[in-house]
Amino acid sequence: VEALAQRFAEDKIANISAGLSARGFYIDSGYTFGLGPIYPDQMGSVMAFLKENWDSYKPADAGDEIKLAYLSWPTAFGQGALTAESRAYLEELGIDVVAEETYDLAPTADTTTAILNAQAAGANVIWTNTLAFGTSVILNDLNALGLRDQFVVGADNWGMDLATYAFLADPAYGVGLIAPFPYLWWTDVDNPGVQYAQQLFEANERGAGEHNVGYLLLVAGVDMIAKAITEAIDTVGYENLDGEAVHDALVAMSPFEALDGVIRADYSGDNRSPHTSQIRMIQGGPDAFVVIQDWAEIPDLRPTE
């Protein structure tokens, strides 16, 4: 996303992305549209939620102040939520970042040192901007150390997925994980868009391991693209259809829903990422991704320079 953002803008190619980079959407960009909020917005939304509801979610021995440890990969994605804007927002909330630790991008990564450093710094909340095994290794090591009950653990939206369970030493270790959730899930069976995705899933004889966020977002993303192309053709005519027309259609359509509300998008003005999301918590076995805050506006922490 970051490598090609400027080229997409130069060549006027509309790009629908699930890589939710703040830089990719807002620095010398304009043609990259996100299927979810940028990572600083995601972390800000969860931290604001915890600030408002700390008494309900804080560990038993935690005080009244939220002390945040940022434990993540050293990559651009891993560090994507911690920016000048998100740091300033956390300061406004009165939340101190007391530890910043990295660990290997590997399923076998040892996060013990990072966790113990967070504990020594007085942290009571951990944020990880990772996915699959990146989230799992922290949950595994917290449980192995007997420290799980000392921390609220939050992750970006990709952290809450079936892929995470593939790397958990025990499925129960996922319980309590909190994450932004800017789309519906397979268990929202009353939604026509989810029903349609499920029909495709079954018709193509997909395996259980593919019943994940990637498949659902792909179907919703294609629906979004189809809507935008149709809008562009209706506006400029098929003979004039190009990337600029699709870009303009995505902006003009906003706000809108893709796949009957599986995704809620708003690219009006200079917005290139949604600014609404749910927040969910794992409360049980796989797929028990329970809404603890319904769709709501979230902070806008896009880069200012």
C-alpha atoms as a PDB file:
ATOM      1  CA  VAL A   1       0.000   0.000   0.000  1.00  0.00           C
ATOM      2  CA  GLU A   2       2.719   2.474   0.990  1.00  0.00           C
ATOM      3  CA  ALA A   3       5.030   1.560  -1.883  1.00  0.00           C
ATOM      4  CA  LEU A   4       2.402   2.104  -4.589  1.00  0.00           C
ATOM      5  CA  ALA A   5       0.179   4.833  -3.112  1.00  0.00           C
ATOM      6  CA  GLN A   6       1.823   7.659  -5.047  1.00  0.00           C
ATOM      7  CA  ARG A   7       1.857   5.680  -8.291  1.00  0.00           C
ATOM      8  CA  PHE A   8      -1.855   4.902  -7.951  1.00  0.00           C
ATOM      9  CA  ALA A   9      -2.491   8.643  -7.629  1.00  0.00           C
ATOM     10  CA  GLU A  10      -0.195   9.553 -10.531  1.00  0.00           C
ATOM     11  CA  ASP A  11      -1.754   6.966 -12.836  1.00  0.00           C
ATOM     12  CA  LYS A  12      -5.286   7.560 -11.474  1.00  0.00           C
ATOM     13  CA  ILE A  13      -5.932   3.921 -10.595  1.00  0.00           C
ATOM     14  CA  ALA A  14      -8.498   3.354  -7.867  1.00  0.00           C
ATOM     15  CA  ASN A  15      -7.140   0.862  -5.343  1.00  0.00           C
ATOM     16  CA  ILE A  16      -9.341  -0.909  -2.778  1.00  0.00           C
ATOM     17  CA  SER A  17      -7.125  -2.084   0.071  1.00  0.00           C
ATOM     18  CA  ALA A  18      -7.302  -4.121   3.253  1.00  0.00           C
ATOM     19  CA  GLY A  19      -3.811  -2.924   4.213  1.00  0.00           C
ATOM     20  CA  LEU A  20      -4.850  -0.084   6.508  1.00  0.00           C
ATOM     21  CA  SER A  21      -1.759   2.094   6.472  1.00  0.00           C
ATOM     22  CA  ALA A  22      -2.152   5.704   7.564  1.00  0.00           C
ATOM     23  CA  ARG A  23       0.650   6.754   5.203  1.00  0.00           C
ATOM     24  CA  GLY A  24      -0.718   4.726   2.313  1.00  0.00           C
ATOM     25  CA  PHE A  25      -4.110   6.410   2.541  1.00  0.00           C
ATOM     26  CA  TYR A  26      -3.189   9.979   3.419  1.00  0.00           C
ATOM     27  CA  ILE A  27       0.388  10.882   2.424  1.00  0.00           C
ATOM     28  CA  ASP A  28       0.649  11.906  -1.254  1.00  0.00           C
ATOM     29  CA  SER A  29      -2.170   9.472  -1.943  1.00  0.00           C
ATOM     30  CA  GLY A  30      -5.868   9.834  -2.684  1.00  0.00           C
ATOM     31  CA  TYR A  31      -6.574   6.818  -4.885  1.00  0.00           C
ATOM     32  CA  THR A  32      -6.223   4.154  -2.190  1.00  0.00           C
ATOM     33  CA  PHE A  33      -9.490   3.368  -0.379  1.00  0.00           C
ATOM     34  CA  GLY A  34      -9.574   1.291   2.794  1.00  0.00           C
ATOM     35  CA  LEU A  35     -11.912  -1.520   3.750  1.00  0.00           C
ATOM     36  CA  GLY A  36     -11.379  -0.542   7.387  1.00  0.00           C
ATOM     37  CA  PRO A  37     -10.071   2.324   9.550  1.00  0.00           C
ATOM     38  CA  ILE A  38      -6.367   3.104   9.651  1.00  0.00           C
ATOM     39  CA  TYR A  39      -4.420   1.540  12.519  1.00  0.00           C
ATOM     40  CA  PRO A  40      -3.989   4.711  14.632  1.00  0.00           C
ATOM     41  CA  ASP A  41      -7.784   5.208  14.514  1.00  0.00           C
ATOM     42  CA  GLN A  42      -8.285   1.597  15.553  1.00  0.00           C
ATOM     43  CA  MET A  43      -6.031   1.811  18.585  1.00  0.00           C
ATOM     44  CA  GLY A  44      -7.501   5.184  19.517  1.00  0.00           C
ATOM     45  CA  SER A  45     -11.041   3.804  19.415  1.00  0.00           C
ATOM     46  CA  VAL A  46     -10.256   0.905  21.749  1.00  0.00           C
ATOM     47  CA  MET A  47      -8.309   3.085  24.144  1.00  0.00           C
ATOM     48  CA  ALA A  48     -11.163   5.614  24.272  1.00  0.00           C
ATOM     49  CA  PHE A  49     -13.601   2.765  24.940  1.00  0.00           C
ATOM     50  CA  LEU A  50     -11.440   1.419  27.756  1.00  0.00           C
ATOM     51  CA  LYS A  51     -11.045   4.893  29.218  1.00  0.00           C
ATOM     52  CA  GLU A  52     -14.838   5.263  29.380  1.00  0.00           C
ATOM     53  CA  ASN A  53     -15.419   1.741  30.688  1.00  0.00           C
ATOM     54  CA  TRP A  54     -12.277   1.062  32.705  1.00  0.00           C
ATOM     55  CA  ASP A  55     -14.099  -0.069  35.827  1.00  0.00           C
ATOM     56  CA  SER A  56     -15.829  -2.796  33.817  1.00  0.00           C
ATOM     57  CA  TYR A  57     -12.767  -4.157  32.017  1.00  0.00           C
ATOM     58  CA  LYS A  58      -9.708  -3.378  34.140  1.00  0.00           C
ATOM     59  CA  PRO A  59      -7.700  -6.210  35.729  1.00  0.00           C
ATOM     60  CA  ALA A  60      -8.552  -6.870  39.368  1.00  0.00           C
ATOM     61  CA  ASP A  61      -5.341  -5.354  40.722  1.00  0.00           C
ATOM     62  CA  ALA A  62      -5.169  -2.414  38.296  1.00  0.00           C
ATOM     63  CA  GLY A  63      -5.486   1.140  39.511  1.00  0.00           C
ATOM     64  CA  ASP A  64      -7.592   3.915  38.054  1.00  0.00           C
ATOM     65  CA  GLU A  65      -5.040   4.862  35.379  1.00  0.00           C
ATOM     66  CA  ILE A  66      -4.539   3.024  32.096  1.00  0.00           C
ATOM     67  CA  LYS A  67      -0.880   2.208  31.494  1.00  0.00           C
ATOM     68  CA  LEU A  68      -0.320   1.026  27.923  1.00  0.00           C
ATOM     69  CA  ALA A  69       2.414  -1.278  26.636  1.00  0.00           C
ATOM     70  CA  TYR A  70       2.821  -1.419  22.846  1.00  0.00           C
ATOM     71  CA  LEU A  71       4.130  -4.900  22.020  1.00  0.00           C
ATOM     72  CA  SER A  72       4.335  -5.585  18.310  1.00  0.00           C
ATOM     73  CA  TRP A  73       6.382  -6.541  15.288  1.00  0.00           C
ATOM     74  CA  PRO A  74       9.184  -4.152  14.211  1.00  0.00           C
ATOM     75  CA  THR A  75       7.678  -3.907  10.709  1.00  0.00           C
ATOM     76  CA  ALA A  76       5.751  -1.010   9.157  1.00  0.00           C
ATOM     77  CA  PHE A  77       2.534  -2.926   9.857  1.00  0.00           C
ATOM     78  CA  GLY A  78       3.582  -3.781  13.400  1.00  0.00           C
ATOM     79  CA  GLN A  79       4.367  -0.172  14.217  1.00  0.00           C
ATOM     80  CA  GLY A  80       1.470   1.213  12.160  1.00  0.00           C
ATOM     81  CA  ALA A  81      -0.754   2.254  15.079  1.00  0.00           C
ATOM     82  CA  LEU A  82       1.860   4.204  17.013  1.00  0.00           C
ATOM     83  CA  THR A  83       2.175   7.584  15.326  1.00  0.00           C
ATOM     84  CA  ALA A  84       2.583  11.200  16.388  1.00  0.00           C
ATOM     85  CA  GLU A  85      -1.180  11.625  16.095  1.00  0.00           C
ATOM     86  CA  SER A  86      -2.086   8.525  18.131  1.00  0.00           C
ATOM     87  CA  ARG A  87       0.473   9.429  20.806  1.00  0.00           C
ATOM     88  CA  ALA A  88      -1.070  12.883  21.107  1.00  0.00           C
ATOM     89  CA  TYR A  89      -4.554  11.366  21.326  1.00  0.00           C
ATOM     90  CA  LEU A  90      -3.492   8.960  24.065  1.00  0.00           C
ATOM     91  CA  GLU A  91      -2.037  11.905  25.960  1.00  0.00           C
ATOM     92  CA  GLU A  92      -5.390  13.708  25.643  1.00  0.00           C
ATOM     93  CA  LEU A  93      -7.077  10.642  27.118  1.00  0.00           C
ATOM     94  CA  GLY A  94      -4.609  10.621  29.994  1.00  0.00           C
ATOM     95  CA  ILE A  95      -3.138   7.280  28.935  1.00  0.00           C
ATOM     96  CA  ASP A  96       0.604   6.777  29.356  1.00  0.00           C
ATOM     97  CA  VAL A  97       2.593   4.586  26.965  1.00  0.00           C
ATOM     98  CA  VAL A  98       4.912   3.010  29.537  1.00  0.00           C
ATOM     99  CA  ALA A  99       6.595   0.387  27.343  1.00  0.00           C
ATOM    100  CA  GLU A 100       7.380  -0.128  23.670  1.00  0.00           C
ATOM    101  CA  GLU A 101       8.702  -3.574  22.826  1.00  0.00           C
ATOM    102  CA  THR A 102       9.197  -5.579  19.626  1.00  0.00           C
ATOM    103  CA  TYR A 103       9.424  -9.311  18.968  1.00  0.00           C
ATOM    104  CA  ASP A 104      10.201 -11.543  16.007  1.00  0.00           C
ATOM    105  CA  LEU A 105       7.780 -11.910  13.142  1.00  0.00           C
ATOM    106  CA  ALA A 106       7.555 -15.678  13.565  1.00  0.00           C
ATOM    107  CA  PRO A 107       5.106 -18.253  14.956  1.00  0.00           C
ATOM    108  CA  THR A 108       7.859 -19.348  17.338  1.00  0.00           C
ATOM    109  CA  ALA A 109       8.606 -15.853  18.648  1.00  0.00           C
ATOM    110  CA  ASP A 110       9.324 -15.560  22.386  1.00  0.00           C
ATOM    111  CA  THR A 111       7.530 -12.545  23.848  1.00  0.00           C
ATOM    112  CA  THR A 112       8.509 -13.290  27.457  1.00  0.00           C
ATOM    113  CA  THR A 113      11.024 -10.444  27.704  1.00  0.00           C
ATOM    114  CA  ALA A 114       8.597  -7.957  26.147  1.00  0.00           C
ATOM    115  CA  ILE A 115       5.832  -8.999  28.550  1.00  0.00           C
ATOM    116  CA  LEU A 116       8.064  -8.874  31.627  1.00  0.00           C
ATOM    117  CA  ASN A 117       9.347  -5.441  30.595  1.00  0.00           C
ATOM    118  CA  ALA A 118       5.734  -4.288  30.247  1.00  0.00           C
ATOM    119  CA  GLN A 119       4.941  -5.664  33.683  1.00  0.00           C
ATOM    120  CA  ALA A 120       7.988  -3.980  35.212  1.00  0.00           C
ATOM    121  CA  ALA A 121       6.905  -0.668  33.645  1.00  0.00           C
ATOM    122  CA  GLY A 122       3.527  -0.947  35.367  1.00  0.00           C
ATOM    123  CA  ALA A 123       1.461  -1.642  32.245  1.00  0.00           C
ATOM    124  CA  ASN A 124      -2.070  -2.973  32.587  1.00  0.00           C
ATOM    125  CA  VAL A 125      -3.055  -2.859  28.887  1.00  0.00           C
ATOM    126  CA  ILE A 126      -1.179  -4.414  25.960  1.00  0.00           C
ATOM    127  CA  TRP A 127      -1.742  -3.385  22.354  1.00  0.00           C
ATOM    128  CA  THR A 128      -0.350  -5.476  19.511  1.00  0.00           C
ATOM    129  CA  ASN A 129      -0.635  -4.406  15.884  1.00  0.00           C
ATOM    130  CA  THR A 130      -0.237  -7.883  14.413  1.00  0.00           C
ATOM    131  CA  LEU A 131      -2.320 -10.783  13.150  1.00  0.00           C
ATOM    132  CA  ALA A 132      -2.591 -14.560  13.462  1.00  0.00           C
ATOM    133  CA  PHE A 133       0.525 -15.856  15.249  1.00  0.00           C
ATOM    134  CA  GLY A 134       1.605 -12.313  16.145  1.00  0.00           C
ATOM    135  CA  THR A 135      -1.353 -12.017  18.488  1.00  0.00           C
ATOM    136  CA  SER A 136      -1.278 -15.654  19.572  1.00  0.00           C
ATOM    137  CA  VAL A 137       2.311 -15.690  20.824  1.00  0.00           C
ATOM    138  CA  ILE A 138       1.516 -12.890  23.273  1.00  0.00           C
ATOM    139  CA  LEU A 139      -1.587 -14.682  24.564  1.00  0.00           C
ATOM    140  CA  ASN A 140       0.323 -17.974  24.798  1.00  0.00           C
ATOM    141  CA  ASP A 141       3.199 -16.441  26.746  1.00  0.00           C
ATOM    142  CA  LEU A 142       0.947 -14.422  29.039  1.00  0.00           C
ATOM    143  CA  ASN A 143      -0.784 -17.651  30.039  1.00  0.00           C
ATOM    144  CA  ALA A 144       2.487 -19.574  30.336  1.00  0.00           C
ATOM    145  CA  LEU A 145       3.813 -16.881  32.685  1.00  0.00           C
ATOM    146  CA  GLY A 146       0.615 -16.861  34.714  1.00  0.00           C
ATOM    147  CA  LEU A 147       0.152 -13.152  33.962  1.00  0.00           C
ATOM    148  CA  ARG A 148      -2.922 -13.156  31.710  1.00  0.00           C
ATOM    149  CA  ASP A 149      -5.165 -11.694  34.397  1.00  0.00           C
ATOM    150  CA  GLN A 150      -2.874  -8.692  34.851  1.00  0.00           C
ATOM    151  CA  PHE A 151      -3.493  -7.229  31.375  1.00  0.00           C
ATOM    152  CA  VAL A 152      -6.281  -6.188  29.055  1.00  0.00           C
ATOM    153  CA  VAL A 153      -5.070  -7.259  25.610  1.00  0.00           C
ATOM    154  CA  GLY A 154      -6.130  -5.350  22.514  1.00  0.00           C
ATOM    155  CA  ALA A 155      -5.248  -5.862  18.863  1.00  0.00           C
ATOM    156  CA  ASP A 156      -6.032  -4.357  15.469  1.00  0.00           C
ATOM    157  CA  ASN A 157      -8.924  -5.892  13.545  1.00  0.00           C
ATOM    158  CA  TRP A 158      -6.775  -8.647  11.972  1.00  0.00           C
ATOM    159  CA  GLY A 159      -5.893  -9.933  15.439  1.00  0.00           C
ATOM    160  CA  MET A 160      -9.443 -11.206  15.924  1.00  0.00           C
ATOM    161  CA  ASP A 161      -9.801 -13.903  13.286  1.00  0.00           C
ATOM    162  CA  LEU A 162      -9.933 -17.684  12.975  1.00  0.00           C
ATOM    163  CA  ALA A 163      -6.268 -17.555  11.929  1.00  0.00           C
ATOM    164  CA  THR A 164      -5.384 -16.537  15.480  1.00  0.00           C
ATOM    165  CA  TYR A 165      -6.790 -19.804  16.802  1.00  0.00           C
ATOM    166  CA  ALA A 166      -4.496 -21.841  14.575  1.00  0.00           C
ATOM    167  CA  PHE A 167      -1.556 -20.690  16.710  1.00  0.00           C
ATOM    168  CA  LEU A 168      -3.066 -20.607  20.209  1.00  0.00           C
ATOM    169  CA  ALA A 169      -1.769 -23.306  22.546  1.00  0.00           C
ATOM    170  CA  ASP A 170      -5.302 -23.492  23.962  1.00  0.00           C
ATOM    171  CA  PRO A 171      -8.425 -21.991  22.331  1.00  0.00           C
ATOM    172  CA  ALA A 172      -9.414 -20.599  25.740  1.00  0.00           C
ATOM    173  CA  TYR A 173      -6.397 -18.274  25.594  1.00  0.00           C
ATOM    174  CA  GLY A 174      -8.279 -16.143  23.076  1.00  0.00           C
ATOM    175  CA  VAL A 175     -10.970 -15.204  25.593  1.00  0.00           C
ATOM    176  CA  GLY A 176     -10.871 -11.555  26.577  1.00  0.00           C
ATOM    177  CA  LEU A 177      -9.104 -10.245  23.469  1.00  0.00           C
ATOM    178  CA  ILE A 178     -10.560  -6.878  22.388  1.00  0.00           C
ATOM    179  CA  ALA A 179     -10.370  -5.436  18.873  1.00  0.00           C
ATOM    180  CA  PRO A 180     -12.048  -2.959  16.537  1.00  0.00           C
ATOM    181  CA  PHE A 181     -14.412  -4.779  14.190  1.00  0.00           C
ATOM    182  CA  PRO A 182     -15.266  -2.608  11.156  1.00  0.00           C
ATOM    183  CA  TYR A 183     -17.367  -5.249   9.414  1.00  0.00           C
ATOM    184  CA  LEU A 184     -19.888  -7.952  10.202  1.00  0.00           C
ATOM    185  CA  TRP A 185     -18.895 -11.566  10.884  1.00  0.00           C
ATOM    186  CA  TRP A 186     -20.007 -14.961   9.692  1.00  0.00           C
ATOM    187  CA  THR A 187     -22.114 -15.392  12.818  1.00  0.00           C
ATOM    188  CA  ASP A 188     -24.273 -12.380  11.850  1.00  0.00           C
ATOM    189  CA  VAL A 189     -26.503 -14.819   9.995  1.00  0.00           C
ATOM    190  CA  ASP A 190     -29.507 -12.485   9.789  1.00  0.00           C
ATOM    191  CA  ASN A 191     -27.631 -10.188   7.400  1.00  0.00           C
ATOM    192  CA  PRO A 192     -28.326 -10.838   3.671  1.00  0.00           C
ATOM    193  CA  GLY A 193     -24.727 -10.039   2.733  1.00  0.00           C
ATOM    194  CA  VAL A 194     -23.351 -12.606   5.165  1.00  0.00           C
ATOM    195  CA  GLN A 195     -25.910 -15.095   3.856  1.00  0.00           C
ATOM    196  CA  TYR A 196     -24.754 -14.457   0.271  1.00  0.00           C
ATOM    197  CA  ALA A 197     -21.077 -14.903   1.226  1.00  0.00           C
ATOM    198  CA  GLN A 198     -21.970 -18.152   2.988  1.00  0.00           C
ATOM    199  CA  GLN A 199     -23.744 -19.399  -0.135  1.00  0.00           C
ATOM    200  CA  LEU A 200     -20.630 -18.680  -2.222  1.00  0.00           C
ATOM    201  CA  PHE A 201     -18.464 -20.342   0.409  1.00  0.00           C
ATOM    202  CA  GLU A 202     -20.538 -23.530   0.309  1.00  0.00           C
ATOM    203  CA  ALA A 203     -20.975 -23.530  -3.479  1.00  0.00           C
ATOM    204  CA  ASN A 204     -17.198 -23.398  -3.915  1.00  0.00           C
ATOM    205  CA  GLU A 205     -16.683 -26.136  -1.305  1.00  0.00           C
ATOM    206  CA  ARG A 206     -14.311 -24.096   0.809  1.00  0.00           C
ATOM    207  CA  GLY A 207     -12.715 -25.672   3.853  1.00  0.00           C
ATOM    208  CA  ALA A 208     -13.361 -24.613   7.450  1.00  0.00           C
ATOM    209  CA  GLY A 209     -10.000 -22.872   7.648  1.00  0.00           C
ATOM    210  CA  GLU A 210     -11.075 -20.454   4.923  1.00  0.00           C
ATOM    211  CA  HIS A 211     -14.144 -19.314   6.885  1.00  0.00           C
ATOM    212  CA  ASN A 212     -12.156 -16.264   7.892  1.00  0.00           C
ATOM    213  CA  VAL A 213     -12.079 -12.505   7.610  1.00  0.00           C
ATOM    214  CA  GLY A 214     -10.167 -12.595   4.332  1.00  0.00           C
ATOM    215  CA  TYR A 215     -12.885 -14.483   2.457  1.00  0.00           C
ATOM    216  CA  LEU A 216     -15.710 -12.348   3.850  1.00  0.00           C
ATOM    217  CA  LEU A 217     -13.918  -9.067   3.082  1.00  0.00           C
ATOM    218  CA  LEU A 218     -13.037 -10.238  -0.416  1.00  0.00           C
ATOM    219  CA  VAL A 219     -16.708 -10.825  -1.231  1.00  0.00           C
ATOM    220  CA  ALA A 220     -17.641  -7.448   0.303  1.00  0.00           C
ATOM    221  CA  GLY A 221     -14.785  -5.719  -1.506  1.00  0.00           C
ATOM    222  CA  VAL A 222     -15.840  -7.099  -4.890  1.00  0.00           C
ATOM    223  CA  ASP A 223     -19.382  -5.910  -4.185  1.00  0.00           C
ATOM    224  CA  MET A 224     -17.990  -2.441  -3.426  1.00  0.00           C
ATOM    225  CA  ILE A 225     -16.017  -2.407  -6.669  1.00  0.00           C
ATOM    226  CA  ALA A 226     -19.045  -3.518  -8.684  1.00  0.00           C
ATOM    227  CA  LYS A 227     -21.142  -0.732  -7.166  1.00  0.00           C
ATOM    228  CA  ALA A 228     -18.452   1.859  -7.907  1.00  0.00           C
ATOM    229  CA  ILE A 229     -17.974   0.752 -11.520  1.00  0.00           C
ATOM    230  CA  THR A 230     -21.743   0.770 -12.081  1.00  0.00           C
ATOM    231  CA  GLU A 231     -21.988   4.277 -10.600  1.00  0.00           C
ATOM    232  CA  ALA A 232     -19.079   5.442 -12.766  1.00  0.00           C
ATOM    233  CA  ILE A 233     -20.633   4.062 -15.965  1.00  0.00           C
ATOM    234  CA  ASP A 234     -23.974   5.642 -15.126  1.00  0.00           C
ATOM    235  CA  THR A 235     -22.194   8.976 -14.643  1.00  0.00           C
ATOM    236  CA  VAL A 236     -19.627   9.189 -17.458  1.00  0.00           C
ATOM    237  CA  GLY A 237     -20.710   6.423 -19.852  1.00  0.00           C
ATOM    238  CA  TYR A 238     -18.958   3.131 -20.559  1.00  0.00           C
ATOM    239  CA  GLU A 239     -16.782   4.685 -23.257  1.00  0.00           C
ATOM    240  CA  ASN A 240     -15.322   7.115 -20.700  1.00  0.00           C
ATOM    241  CA  LEU A 241     -14.837   4.609 -17.889  1.00  0.00           C
ATOM    242  CA  ASP A 242     -11.431   4.968 -16.267  1.00  0.00           C
ATOM    243  CA  GLY A 243      -9.786   4.980 -12.840  1.00  0.00           C
ATOM    244  CA  GLU A 244     -10.620   8.604 -12.221  1.00  0.00           C
ATOM    245  CA  ALA A 245     -14.310   7.922 -12.830  1.00  0.00           C
ATOM    246  CA  VAL A 246     -14.242   5.013 -10.362  1.00  0.00           C
ATOM    247  CA  HIS A 247     -12.432   7.229  -7.828  1.00  0.00           C
ATOM    248  CA  ASP A 248     -15.079   9.917  -8.255  1.00  0.00           C
ATOM    249  CA  ALA A 249     -17.864   7.337  -7.933  1.00  0.00           C
ATOM    250  CA  LEU A 250     -16.518   6.024  -4.617  1.00  0.00           C
ATOM    251  CA  VAL A 251     -16.471   9.579  -3.287  1.00  0.00           C
ATOM    252  CA  ALA A 252     -19.905  10.485  -4.686  1.00  0.00           C
ATOM    253  CA  MET A 253     -21.549   7.297  -3.366  1.00  0.00           C
ATOM    254  CA  SER A 254     -20.389   7.976   0.173  1.00  0.00           C
ATOM    255  CA  PRO A 255     -21.506   7.125   2.726  1.00  0.00           C
ATOM    256  CA  PHE A 256     -22.660   3.712   1.558  1.00  0.00           C
ATOM    257  CA  GLU A 257     -22.789   0.060   2.564  1.00  0.00           C
ATOM    258  CA  ALA A 258     -21.127  -2.805   0.730  1.00  0.00           C
ATOM    259  CA  LEU A 259     -22.675  -6.284   0.635  1.00  0.00           C
ATOM    260  CA  ASP A 260     -25.808  -5.212   2.511  1.00  0.00           C
ATOM    261  CA  GLY A 261     -23.891  -3.655   5.372  1.00  0.00           C
ATOM    262  CA  VAL A 262     -21.048  -6.106   5.857  1.00  0.00           C
ATOM    263  CA  ILE A 263     -18.858  -3.022   5.391  1.00  0.00           C
ATOM    264  CA  ARG A 264     -19.789   0.602   6.048  1.00  0.00           C
ATOM    265  CA  ALA A 265     -17.755   3.015   3.929  1.00  0.00           C
ATOM    266  CA  ASP A 266     -17.469   6.776   3.691  1.00  0.00           C
ATOM    267  CA  TYR A 267     -14.920   8.257   1.291  1.00  0.00           C
ATOM    268  CA  SER A 268     -16.536  11.679   1.051  1.00  0.00           C
ATOM    269  CA  GLY A 269     -14.229  14.670   0.756  1.00  0.00           C
ATOM    270  CA  ASP A 270     -10.678  13.619   1.512  1.00  0.00           C
ATOM    271  CA  ASN A 271     -11.636  10.587   3.590  1.00  0.00           C
ATOM    272  CA  ARG A 272     -10.040   7.412   2.308  1.00  0.00           C
ATOM    273  CA  SER A 273     -10.850   5.179   5.247  1.00  0.00           C
ATOM    274  CA  PRO A 274     -14.030   4.473   7.226  1.00  0.00           C
ATOM    275  CA  HIS A 275     -14.465   6.314  10.518  1.00  0.00           C
ATOM    276  CA  THR A 276     -17.018   4.010  12.100  1.00  0.00           C
ATOM    277  CA  SER A 277     -16.493   0.626  13.697  1.00  0.00           C
ATOM    278  CA  GLN A 278     -17.764  -1.835  16.238  1.00  0.00           C
ATOM    279  CA  ILE A 279     -15.594  -3.108  19.077  1.00  0.00           C
ATOM    280  CA  ARG A 280     -15.762  -6.811  19.862  1.00  0.00           C
ATOM    281  CA  MET A 281     -14.403  -9.150  22.534  1.00  0.00           C
ATOM    282  CA  ILE A 282     -13.796 -12.875  22.333  1.00  0.00           C
ATOM    283  CA  GLN A 283     -16.148 -14.414  24.866  1.00  0.00           C
ATOM    284  CA  GLY A 284     -15.942 -18.150  24.287  1.00  0.00           C
ATOM    285  CA  GLY A 285     -14.718 -20.518  21.606  1.00  0.00           C
ATOM    286  CA  PRO A 286     -13.811 -19.697  18.004  1.00  0.00           C
ATOM    287  CA  ASP A 287     -16.249 -17.278  16.379  1.00  0.00           C
ATOM    288  CA  ALA A 288     -17.530 -15.946  19.717  1.00  0.00           C
ATOM    289  CA  PHE A 289     -16.634 -12.421  18.656  1.00  0.00           C
ATOM    290  CA  VAL A 290     -19.151 -10.525  20.783  1.00  0.00           C
ATOM    291  CA  VAL A 291     -20.054  -6.870  20.204  1.00  0.00           C
ATOM    292  CA  ILE A 292     -19.228  -4.784  23.283  1.00  0.00           C
ATOM    293  CA  GLN A 293     -19.675  -1.468  21.457  1.00  0.00           C
ATOM    294  CA  ASP A 294     -21.931  -1.248  18.418  1.00  0.00           C
ATOM    295  CA  TRP A 295     -21.208   0.852  15.329  1.00  0.00           C
ATOM    296  CA  ALA A 296     -19.933   4.261  16.428  1.00  0.00           C
ATOM    297  CA  GLU A 297     -17.748   7.112  15.237  1.00  0.00           C
ATOM    298  CA  ILE A 298     -14.087   6.568  16.029  1.00  0.00           C
ATOM    299  CA  PRO A 299     -11.178   9.041  16.330  1.00  0.00           C
ATOM    300  CA  ASP A 300      -9.743  10.547  13.143  1.00  0.00           C
ATOM    301  CA  LEU A 301      -5.973  10.290  13.655  1.00  0.00           C
ATOM    302  CA  ARG A 302      -4.811  10.579  10.059  1.00  0.00           C
ATOM    303  CA  PRO A 303      -1.314  12.008   9.490  1.00  0.00           C
ATOM    304  CA  THR A 304      -1.154  15.781   9.653  1.00  0.00           C
ATOM    305  CA  GLU A 305       2.062  16.023   7.657  1.00  0.00           C
END
